[in-house]
């Protein structure tokens, strides 16, 4: 079984970390930090779509809170799934679930190693219970 590459989720995290910077861009900045976006996001959303959408969001918001709300209304879960499917057909390769699960554990600082999917699932369930 294959799953999404963890690098795609890291790109999403990077995009979301740029929201305040995007909001602070001057309205006369035609790119609105487009070139700061991760490569997969840039491939998924071209500059024309990006600048038009950011311009629209900025023109309909007065502060960072409302900007964030509108931004996430646009780049919502549906768009994230479309992004994941898009970049995995052309940019990232899907990976075996056990490899991705182990990579995620390492990324969050957990020292658990196993190639057994059942053991990995059980460990993730334990982490969820610790919560």
C-alpha atoms as a PDB file:
ATOM      1  CA  UNK A   1       0.000   0.000   0.000  1.00  0.00           C
ATOM      2  CA  UNK A   2       1.204   3.455  -0.912  1.00  0.00           C
ATOM      3  CA  UNK A   3       0.475   6.809   0.690  1.00  0.00           C
ATOM      4  CA  UNK A   4       1.276  10.475   0.217  1.00  0.00           C
ATOM      5  CA  UNK A   5       4.863  11.601   0.598  1.00  0.00           C
ATOM      6  CA  UNK A   6       5.565  13.447   3.860  1.00  0.00           C
ATOM      7  CA  UNK A   7       7.359  16.159   1.861  1.00  0.00           C
ATOM      8  CA  UNK A   8       4.011  17.281   0.424  1.00  0.00           C
ATOM      9  CA  UNK A   9       2.699  17.909   3.935  1.00  0.00           C
ATOM     10  CA  UNK A  10       5.857  19.811   4.820  1.00  0.00           C
ATOM     11  CA  UNK A  11       5.158  22.059   1.834  1.00  0.00           C
ATOM     12  CA  UNK A  12       1.653  22.733   3.157  1.00  0.00           C
ATOM     13  CA  UNK A  13       3.112  23.577   6.560  1.00  0.00           C
ATOM     14  CA  UNK A  14       5.527  25.990   4.888  1.00  0.00           C
ATOM     15  CA  UNK A  15       2.675  27.638   2.971  1.00  0.00           C
ATOM     16  CA  UNK A  16       0.680  28.111   6.160  1.00  0.00           C
ATOM     17  CA  UNK A  17       3.696  29.571   7.953  1.00  0.00           C
ATOM     18  CA  UNK A  18       3.828  32.290   5.267  1.00  0.00           C
ATOM     19  CA  UNK A  19       0.285  33.582   5.804  1.00  0.00           C
ATOM     20  CA  UNK A  20       1.297  36.547   7.966  1.00  0.00           C
ATOM     21  CA  UNK A  21       4.035  37.497   5.492  1.00  0.00           C
ATOM     22  CA  UNK A  22       1.559  37.293   2.607  1.00  0.00           C
ATOM     23  CA  UNK A  23      -0.863  39.526   4.485  1.00  0.00           C
ATOM     24  CA  UNK A  24       1.896  42.061   5.163  1.00  0.00           C
ATOM     25  CA  UNK A  25       2.869  42.286   1.474  1.00  0.00           C
ATOM     26  CA  UNK A  26       2.046  45.673   0.054  1.00  0.00           C
ATOM     27  CA  UNK A  27      -0.867  45.781  -2.366  1.00  0.00           C
ATOM     28  CA  UNK A  28       1.497  47.044  -5.043  1.00  0.00           C
ATOM     29  CA  UNK A  29       3.609  43.855  -4.712  1.00  0.00           C
ATOM     30  CA  UNK A  30       2.257  41.960  -7.735  1.00  0.00           C
ATOM     31  CA  UNK A  31       3.502  38.559  -6.575  1.00  0.00           C
ATOM     32  CA  UNK A  32       2.417  38.503  -2.904  1.00  0.00           C
ATOM     33  CA  UNK A  33       5.384  36.301  -1.847  1.00  0.00           C
ATOM     34  CA  UNK A  34       4.671  33.795  -4.639  1.00  0.00           C
ATOM     35  CA  UNK A  35       8.371  32.981  -5.067  1.00  0.00           C
ATOM     36  CA  UNK A  36       8.611  32.083  -1.369  1.00  0.00           C
ATOM     37  CA  UNK A  37       6.161  29.224  -1.885  1.00  0.00           C
ATOM     38  CA  UNK A  38       7.446  25.633  -1.978  1.00  0.00           C
ATOM     39  CA  UNK A  39       7.931  24.207  -5.492  1.00  0.00           C
ATOM     40  CA  UNK A  40       4.984  21.801  -5.348  1.00  0.00           C
ATOM     41  CA  UNK A  41       2.604  24.577  -4.289  1.00  0.00           C
ATOM     42  CA  UNK A  42       3.916  26.758  -7.124  1.00  0.00           C
ATOM     43  CA  UNK A  43       3.327  23.947  -9.595  1.00  0.00           C
ATOM     44  CA  UNK A  44      -0.204  23.452  -8.276  1.00  0.00           C
ATOM     45  CA  UNK A  45      -1.137  27.148  -8.142  1.00  0.00           C
ATOM     46  CA  UNK A  46       0.328  29.285 -10.900  1.00  0.00           C
ATOM     47  CA  UNK A  47       1.272  32.906 -10.279  1.00  0.00           C
ATOM     48  CA  UNK A  48      -1.775  34.313 -12.072  1.00  0.00           C
ATOM     49  CA  UNK A  49      -4.236  32.332  -9.924  1.00  0.00           C
ATOM     50  CA  UNK A  50      -2.202  33.063  -6.765  1.00  0.00           C
ATOM     51  CA  UNK A  51      -1.991  36.820  -7.255  1.00  0.00           C
ATOM     52  CA  UNK A  52      -5.651  37.127  -8.267  1.00  0.00           C
ATOM     53  CA  UNK A  53      -6.818  35.175  -5.231  1.00  0.00           C
ATOM     54  CA  UNK A  54      -4.546  36.948  -2.743  1.00  0.00           C
ATOM     55  CA  UNK A  55      -5.569  40.320  -4.184  1.00  0.00           C
ATOM     56  CA  UNK A  56      -9.236  39.357  -3.809  1.00  0.00           C
ATOM     57  CA  UNK A  57      -8.746  38.130  -0.228  1.00  0.00           C
ATOM     58  CA  UNK A  58      -6.779  41.237   0.754  1.00  0.00           C
ATOM     59  CA  UNK A  59      -9.360  43.575  -0.747  1.00  0.00           C
ATOM     60  CA  UNK A  60     -12.112  41.931   1.320  1.00  0.00           C
ATOM     61  CA  UNK A  61     -10.328  41.855   4.672  1.00  0.00           C
ATOM     62  CA  UNK A  62      -9.165  44.515   7.086  1.00  0.00           C
ATOM     63  CA  UNK A  63      -6.987  42.550   9.484  1.00  0.00           C
ATOM     64  CA  UNK A  64      -4.867  39.439   9.815  1.00  0.00           C
ATOM     65  CA  UNK A  65      -7.626  37.386  11.484  1.00  0.00           C
ATOM     66  CA  UNK A  66     -10.102  37.951   8.675  1.00  0.00           C
ATOM     67  CA  UNK A  67      -7.331  37.428   6.111  1.00  0.00           C
ATOM     68  CA  UNK A  68      -6.488  34.046   7.644  1.00  0.00           C
ATOM     69  CA  UNK A  69     -10.149  33.047   7.723  1.00  0.00           C
ATOM     70  CA  UNK A  70     -10.638  33.899   4.044  1.00  0.00           C
ATOM     71  CA  UNK A  71      -7.308  32.322   3.073  1.00  0.00           C
ATOM     72  CA  UNK A  72      -8.301  29.041   4.728  1.00  0.00           C
ATOM     73  CA  UNK A  73     -11.725  29.326   3.141  1.00  0.00           C
ATOM     74  CA  UNK A  74      -9.927  29.284  -0.205  1.00  0.00           C
ATOM     75  CA  UNK A  75      -7.091  26.853   0.595  1.00  0.00           C
ATOM     76  CA  UNK A  76      -9.433  24.492   2.420  1.00  0.00           C
ATOM     77  CA  UNK A  77      -9.353  20.733   2.906  1.00  0.00           C
ATOM     78  CA  UNK A  78     -10.822  20.131  -0.554  1.00  0.00           C
ATOM     79  CA  UNK A  79      -8.042  22.194  -2.164  1.00  0.00           C
ATOM     80  CA  UNK A  80      -5.434  20.404  -0.030  1.00  0.00           C
ATOM     81  CA  UNK A  81      -6.645  17.020  -1.312  1.00  0.00           C
ATOM     82  CA  UNK A  82      -6.529  18.344  -4.881  1.00  0.00           C
ATOM     83  CA  UNK A  83      -2.978  19.601  -4.216  1.00  0.00           C
ATOM     84  CA  UNK A  84      -1.915  16.227  -2.787  1.00  0.00           C
ATOM     85  CA  UNK A  85      -3.331  14.337  -5.765  1.00  0.00           C
ATOM     86  CA  UNK A  86      -1.797  16.793  -8.214  1.00  0.00           C
ATOM     87  CA  UNK A  87       1.741  16.755  -6.833  1.00  0.00           C
ATOM     88  CA  UNK A  88       1.711  12.992  -6.437  1.00  0.00           C
ATOM     89  CA  UNK A  89       0.985  12.509 -10.096  1.00  0.00           C
ATOM     90  CA  UNK A  90       3.823  14.762 -11.211  1.00  0.00           C
ATOM     91  CA  UNK A  91       6.115  16.004  -8.435  1.00  0.00           C
ATOM     92  CA  UNK A  92       6.352  13.561  -5.514  1.00  0.00           C
ATOM     93  CA  UNK A  93       6.176   9.802  -5.508  1.00  0.00           C
ATOM     94  CA  UNK A  94       3.814   7.986  -3.204  1.00  0.00           C
ATOM     95  CA  UNK A  95       5.628   5.857  -0.660  1.00  0.00           C
ATOM     96  CA  UNK A  96       4.943   2.638   1.225  1.00  0.00           C
ATOM     97  CA  UNK A  97       2.810   3.309   4.288  1.00  0.00           C
ATOM     98  CA  UNK A  98       5.335   1.796   6.702  1.00  0.00           C
ATOM     99  CA  UNK A  99       8.141   4.016   5.356  1.00  0.00           C
ATOM    100  CA  UNK A 100       6.034   7.162   5.570  1.00  0.00           C
ATOM    101  CA  UNK A 101       4.792   6.254   9.042  1.00  0.00           C
ATOM    102  CA  UNK A 102       8.369   5.738  10.246  1.00  0.00           C
ATOM    103  CA  UNK A 103       9.433   9.007   8.614  1.00  0.00           C
ATOM    104  CA  UNK A 104       6.592  10.838  10.361  1.00  0.00           C
ATOM    105  CA  UNK A 105       7.540   9.349  13.732  1.00  0.00           C
ATOM    106  CA  UNK A 106      11.113  10.493  13.256  1.00  0.00           C
ATOM    107  CA  UNK A 107       9.934  13.976  12.222  1.00  0.00           C
ATOM    108  CA  UNK A 108       7.891  14.376  15.408  1.00  0.00           C
ATOM    109  CA  UNK A 109      10.756  13.149  17.576  1.00  0.00           C
ATOM    110  CA  UNK A 110       9.502   9.657  18.363  1.00  0.00           C
ATOM    111  CA  UNK A 111      12.098   6.901  18.563  1.00  0.00           C
ATOM    112  CA  UNK A 112      10.073   3.905  17.391  1.00  0.00           C
ATOM    113  CA  UNK A 113      11.201   1.731  14.528  1.00  0.00           C
ATOM    114  CA  UNK A 114       9.268  -1.034  12.867  1.00  0.00           C
ATOM    115  CA  UNK A 115       8.430  -2.243   9.376  1.00  0.00           C
ATOM    116  CA  UNK A 116       5.323  -3.979  10.652  1.00  0.00           C
ATOM    117  CA  UNK A 117       2.187  -1.973   9.765  1.00  0.00           C
ATOM    118  CA  UNK A 118       0.212  -3.397  12.712  1.00  0.00           C
ATOM    119  CA  UNK A 119       2.936  -2.362  15.183  1.00  0.00           C
ATOM    120  CA  UNK A 120       3.138   1.104  13.651  1.00  0.00           C
ATOM    121  CA  UNK A 121      -0.632   1.502  13.845  1.00  0.00           C
ATOM    122  CA  UNK A 122      -0.620   0.417  17.483  1.00  0.00           C
ATOM    123  CA  UNK A 123       2.135   2.917  18.283  1.00  0.00           C
ATOM    124  CA  UNK A 124       0.212   5.749  16.597  1.00  0.00           C
ATOM    125  CA  UNK A 125      -2.869   4.765  18.620  1.00  0.00           C
ATOM    126  CA  UNK A 126      -0.823   4.984  21.811  1.00  0.00           C
ATOM    127  CA  UNK A 127       0.422   8.431  20.794  1.00  0.00           C
ATOM    128  CA  UNK A 128      -3.150   9.514  20.147  1.00  0.00           C
ATOM    129  CA  UNK A 129      -4.221   8.359  23.608  1.00  0.00           C
ATOM    130  CA  UNK A 130      -1.370  10.308  25.215  1.00  0.00           C
ATOM    131  CA  UNK A 131      -2.689  13.221  23.230  1.00  0.00           C
END
